[in-house]
């Protein structure tokens, strides 16, 4: 990582590290599931958050502020495959304005796929397993 802080809620949109071509917004779990994912980011600005464990309204307001005041042109979003995580995609898409976005999901297996915007049956099953413990 090239900056501190990394938590989405702690970042100021005018911080020096926010003046970049692209930033990455990732779900907390997505960064931890696949060790190669962190290598993929290189020296890019990476912000992490969780729409389920943190206040979703605060996360949305921060994303809204970052999209309007941040000095970057592109955003990549990485979330886990579970449906609760998809809120990050929706928040960024709603507030992106003219910024270009690329969206990805990280499967529980660690595979990274482009996100189509569709919650499929395997995503629902991953959520069931996570919350039932099997």
C-alpha atoms as a PDB file:
ATOM      1  CA  UNK A   1       0.000   0.000   0.000  1.00  0.00           C
ATOM      2  CA  UNK A   2       1.221   3.450  -0.739  1.00  0.00           C
ATOM      3  CA  UNK A   3      -0.898   5.515   1.626  1.00  0.00           C
ATOM      4  CA  UNK A   4      -2.298   5.797   5.108  1.00  0.00           C
ATOM      5  CA  UNK A   5      -5.092   5.703   6.070  1.00  0.00           C
ATOM      6  CA  UNK A   6      -6.646   2.959   3.996  1.00  0.00           C
ATOM      7  CA  UNK A   7     -10.092   2.904   5.605  1.00  0.00           C
ATOM      8  CA  UNK A   8     -12.621   4.597   3.347  1.00  0.00           C
ATOM      9  CA  UNK A   9     -14.255   6.489   6.203  1.00  0.00           C
ATOM     10  CA  UNK A  10     -10.936   8.031   7.297  1.00  0.00           C
ATOM     11  CA  UNK A  11      -9.774   9.375   3.926  1.00  0.00           C
ATOM     12  CA  UNK A  12     -10.033  13.035   2.962  1.00  0.00           C
ATOM     13  CA  UNK A  13     -10.922  13.523  -0.732  1.00  0.00           C
ATOM     14  CA  UNK A  14      -8.194  16.170  -1.141  1.00  0.00           C
ATOM     15  CA  UNK A  15      -5.389  14.077   0.396  1.00  0.00           C
ATOM     16  CA  UNK A  16      -2.236  14.022  -1.742  1.00  0.00           C
ATOM     17  CA  UNK A  17      -2.604  10.299  -2.470  1.00  0.00           C
ATOM     18  CA  UNK A  18      -6.093  10.936  -3.883  1.00  0.00           C
ATOM     19  CA  UNK A  19      -4.564  12.935  -6.755  1.00  0.00           C
ATOM     20  CA  UNK A  20      -4.085  10.009  -9.060  1.00  0.00           C
ATOM     21  CA  UNK A  21      -5.348   8.604 -12.345  1.00  0.00           C
ATOM     22  CA  UNK A  22      -7.161   5.770 -10.564  1.00  0.00           C
ATOM     23  CA  UNK A  23      -8.193   4.681  -7.094  1.00  0.00           C
ATOM     24  CA  UNK A  24      -9.345   1.291  -5.865  1.00  0.00           C
ATOM     25  CA  UNK A  25     -12.270   0.832  -3.496  1.00  0.00           C
ATOM     26  CA  UNK A  26     -12.382  -2.660  -2.022  1.00  0.00           C
ATOM     27  CA  UNK A  27     -14.380  -4.525   0.561  1.00  0.00           C
ATOM     28  CA  UNK A  28     -12.266  -5.344   3.609  1.00  0.00           C
ATOM     29  CA  UNK A  29     -12.646  -9.111   3.092  1.00  0.00           C
ATOM     30  CA  UNK A  30     -11.829  -8.971  -0.625  1.00  0.00           C
ATOM     31  CA  UNK A  31      -8.333  -7.682   0.098  1.00  0.00           C
ATOM     32  CA  UNK A  32      -7.682 -10.540   2.533  1.00  0.00           C
ATOM     33  CA  UNK A  33      -9.132 -13.484   0.592  1.00  0.00           C
ATOM     34  CA  UNK A  34      -6.673 -13.406  -2.302  1.00  0.00           C
ATOM     35  CA  UNK A  35      -3.058 -12.485  -1.524  1.00  0.00           C
ATOM     36  CA  UNK A  36      -2.403 -11.850  -5.215  1.00  0.00           C
ATOM     37  CA  UNK A  37      -5.082  -9.187  -5.221  1.00  0.00           C
ATOM     38  CA  UNK A  38      -2.937  -6.835  -3.164  1.00  0.00           C
ATOM     39  CA  UNK A  39      -0.081  -7.349  -5.631  1.00  0.00           C
ATOM     40  CA  UNK A  40      -2.475  -6.427  -8.438  1.00  0.00           C
ATOM     41  CA  UNK A  41      -2.946  -2.967  -6.934  1.00  0.00           C
ATOM     42  CA  UNK A  42       0.748  -2.117  -7.081  1.00  0.00           C
ATOM     43  CA  UNK A  43       1.280   1.472  -5.949  1.00  0.00           C
ATOM     44  CA  UNK A  44      -2.319   2.551  -6.462  1.00  0.00           C
ATOM     45  CA  UNK A  45      -4.425   4.264  -3.848  1.00  0.00           C
ATOM     46  CA  UNK A  46      -6.546   1.590  -2.143  1.00  0.00           C
ATOM     47  CA  UNK A  47      -9.471   2.375   0.143  1.00  0.00           C
ATOM     48  CA  UNK A  48     -11.255  -0.361   2.069  1.00  0.00           C
ATOM     49  CA  UNK A  49     -14.614  -0.523   3.793  1.00  0.00           C
ATOM     50  CA  UNK A  50     -17.477  -2.832   4.674  1.00  0.00           C
ATOM     51  CA  UNK A  51     -21.084  -1.848   3.956  1.00  0.00           C
ATOM     52  CA  UNK A  52     -22.331  -4.489   6.392  1.00  0.00           C
ATOM     53  CA  UNK A  53     -20.147  -3.890   9.456  1.00  0.00           C
ATOM     54  CA  UNK A  54     -19.781  -0.124   9.094  1.00  0.00           C
ATOM     55  CA  UNK A  55     -22.644   2.349   8.873  1.00  0.00           C
ATOM     56  CA  UNK A  56     -23.807   2.113   5.228  1.00  0.00           C
ATOM     57  CA  UNK A  57     -25.137   5.676   5.296  1.00  0.00           C
ATOM     58  CA  UNK A  58     -21.702   6.988   6.360  1.00  0.00           C
ATOM     59  CA  UNK A  59     -19.979   4.904   3.697  1.00  0.00           C
ATOM     60  CA  UNK A  60     -22.387   6.202   1.055  1.00  0.00           C
ATOM     61  CA  UNK A  61     -21.872   9.821   2.128  1.00  0.00           C
ATOM     62  CA  UNK A  62     -18.084   9.342   2.009  1.00  0.00           C
ATOM     63  CA  UNK A  63     -18.237   7.763  -1.452  1.00  0.00           C
ATOM     64  CA  UNK A  64     -20.449  10.630  -2.600  1.00  0.00           C
ATOM     65  CA  UNK A  65     -17.875  13.124  -1.285  1.00  0.00           C
ATOM     66  CA  UNK A  66     -14.935  11.252  -2.837  1.00  0.00           C
ATOM     67  CA  UNK A  67     -16.637  11.037  -6.225  1.00  0.00           C
ATOM     68  CA  UNK A  68     -17.514  14.741  -6.256  1.00  0.00           C
ATOM     69  CA  UNK A  69     -14.306  16.158  -4.729  1.00  0.00           C
ATOM     70  CA  UNK A  70     -11.637  13.555  -5.518  1.00  0.00           C
ATOM     71  CA  UNK A  71      -9.040  14.377  -8.174  1.00  0.00           C
ATOM     72  CA  UNK A  72      -9.013  11.039 -10.013  1.00  0.00           C
ATOM     73  CA  UNK A  73     -10.590   9.793 -13.248  1.00  0.00           C
ATOM     74  CA  UNK A  74     -11.016   6.049 -12.723  1.00  0.00           C
ATOM     75  CA  UNK A  75     -12.282   3.792  -9.960  1.00  0.00           C
ATOM     76  CA  UNK A  76     -11.945   0.036  -9.624  1.00  0.00           C
ATOM     77  CA  UNK A  77     -14.283  -1.662  -7.155  1.00  0.00           C
ATOM     78  CA  UNK A  78     -13.544  -5.094  -5.636  1.00  0.00           C
ATOM     79  CA  UNK A  79     -16.086  -6.820  -3.431  1.00  0.00           C
ATOM     80  CA  UNK A  80     -16.706 -10.298  -2.154  1.00  0.00           C
ATOM     81  CA  UNK A  81     -19.263 -12.354  -3.999  1.00  0.00           C
ATOM     82  CA  UNK A  82     -21.811 -12.235  -1.174  1.00  0.00           C
ATOM     83  CA  UNK A  83     -24.859 -10.042  -1.922  1.00  0.00           C
ATOM     84  CA  UNK A  84     -24.383  -7.768   1.109  1.00  0.00           C
ATOM     85  CA  UNK A  85     -21.089  -6.608  -0.386  1.00  0.00           C
ATOM     86  CA  UNK A  86     -22.685  -5.415  -3.623  1.00  0.00           C
ATOM     87  CA  UNK A  87     -23.754  -2.176  -1.939  1.00  0.00           C
ATOM     88  CA  UNK A  88     -20.252  -0.808  -2.628  1.00  0.00           C
ATOM     89  CA  UNK A  89     -20.800  -1.279  -6.366  1.00  0.00           C
ATOM     90  CA  UNK A  90     -24.185   0.405  -6.200  1.00  0.00           C
ATOM     91  CA  UNK A  91     -22.914   3.358  -4.170  1.00  0.00           C
ATOM     92  CA  UNK A  92     -20.008   4.077  -6.508  1.00  0.00           C
ATOM     93  CA  UNK A  93     -22.114   3.619  -9.652  1.00  0.00           C
ATOM     94  CA  UNK A  94     -24.751   6.006  -8.323  1.00  0.00           C
ATOM     95  CA  UNK A  95     -22.246   8.757  -7.526  1.00  0.00           C
ATOM     96  CA  UNK A  96     -19.482   8.233 -10.118  1.00  0.00           C
ATOM     97  CA  UNK A  97     -20.438  11.154 -12.335  1.00  0.00           C
ATOM     98  CA  UNK A  98     -17.977  11.245 -15.248  1.00  0.00           C
ATOM     99  CA  UNK A  99     -15.513   8.895 -13.591  1.00  0.00           C
ATOM    100  CA  UNK A 100     -14.798   5.604 -15.359  1.00  0.00           C
ATOM    101  CA  UNK A 101     -15.477   2.474 -13.309  1.00  0.00           C
ATOM    102  CA  UNK A 102     -14.435  -1.164 -13.500  1.00  0.00           C
ATOM    103  CA  UNK A 103     -16.155  -3.616 -11.193  1.00  0.00           C
ATOM    104  CA  UNK A 104     -14.902  -6.960  -9.900  1.00  0.00           C
ATOM    105  CA  UNK A 105     -16.017  -9.639  -7.474  1.00  0.00           C
ATOM    106  CA  UNK A 106     -13.718 -11.877  -5.494  1.00  0.00           C
ATOM    107  CA  UNK A 107     -15.090 -15.369  -5.091  1.00  0.00           C
ATOM    108  CA  UNK A 108     -14.623 -17.129  -1.761  1.00  0.00           C
ATOM    109  CA  UNK A 109     -12.216 -19.408  -3.677  1.00  0.00           C
ATOM    110  CA  UNK A 110     -10.032 -16.344  -4.355  1.00  0.00           C
ATOM    111  CA  UNK A 111     -10.862 -16.111  -8.063  1.00  0.00           C
ATOM    112  CA  UNK A 112     -11.368 -12.545  -9.309  1.00  0.00           C
ATOM    113  CA  UNK A 113     -14.014 -11.948 -11.977  1.00  0.00           C
ATOM    114  CA  UNK A 114     -15.460  -8.937 -13.685  1.00  0.00           C
ATOM    115  CA  UNK A 115     -18.755  -8.088 -11.998  1.00  0.00           C
ATOM    116  CA  UNK A 116     -21.752  -7.995 -14.320  1.00  0.00           C
ATOM    117  CA  UNK A 117     -24.163  -6.444 -11.831  1.00  0.00           C
ATOM    118  CA  UNK A 118     -26.093  -9.675 -11.414  1.00  0.00           C
ATOM    119  CA  UNK A 119     -26.291 -11.509  -8.095  1.00  0.00           C
ATOM    120  CA  UNK A 120     -26.115 -15.159  -9.123  1.00  0.00           C
ATOM    121  CA  UNK A 121     -27.074 -18.291  -7.196  1.00  0.00           C
ATOM    122  CA  UNK A 122     -23.474 -18.988  -6.134  1.00  0.00           C
ATOM    123  CA  UNK A 123     -23.349 -15.545  -4.482  1.00  0.00           C
ATOM    124  CA  UNK A 124     -26.528 -16.258  -2.545  1.00  0.00           C
ATOM    125  CA  UNK A 125     -25.192 -19.666  -1.492  1.00  0.00           C
ATOM    126  CA  UNK A 126     -21.903 -18.108  -0.318  1.00  0.00           C
ATOM    127  CA  UNK A 127     -23.897 -15.724   1.880  1.00  0.00           C
ATOM    128  CA  UNK A 128     -25.996 -18.582   3.298  1.00  0.00           C
ATOM    129  CA  UNK A 129     -22.865 -20.546   4.158  1.00  0.00           C
ATOM    130  CA  UNK A 130     -21.194 -17.529   5.741  1.00  0.00           C
ATOM    131  CA  UNK A 131     -24.123 -16.792   8.010  1.00  0.00           C
ATOM    132  CA  UNK A 132     -25.016 -20.382   8.882  1.00  0.00           C
ATOM    133  CA  UNK A 133     -21.435 -21.484   9.420  1.00  0.00           C
ATOM    134  CA  UNK A 134     -21.446 -24.383   6.925  1.00  0.00           C
END
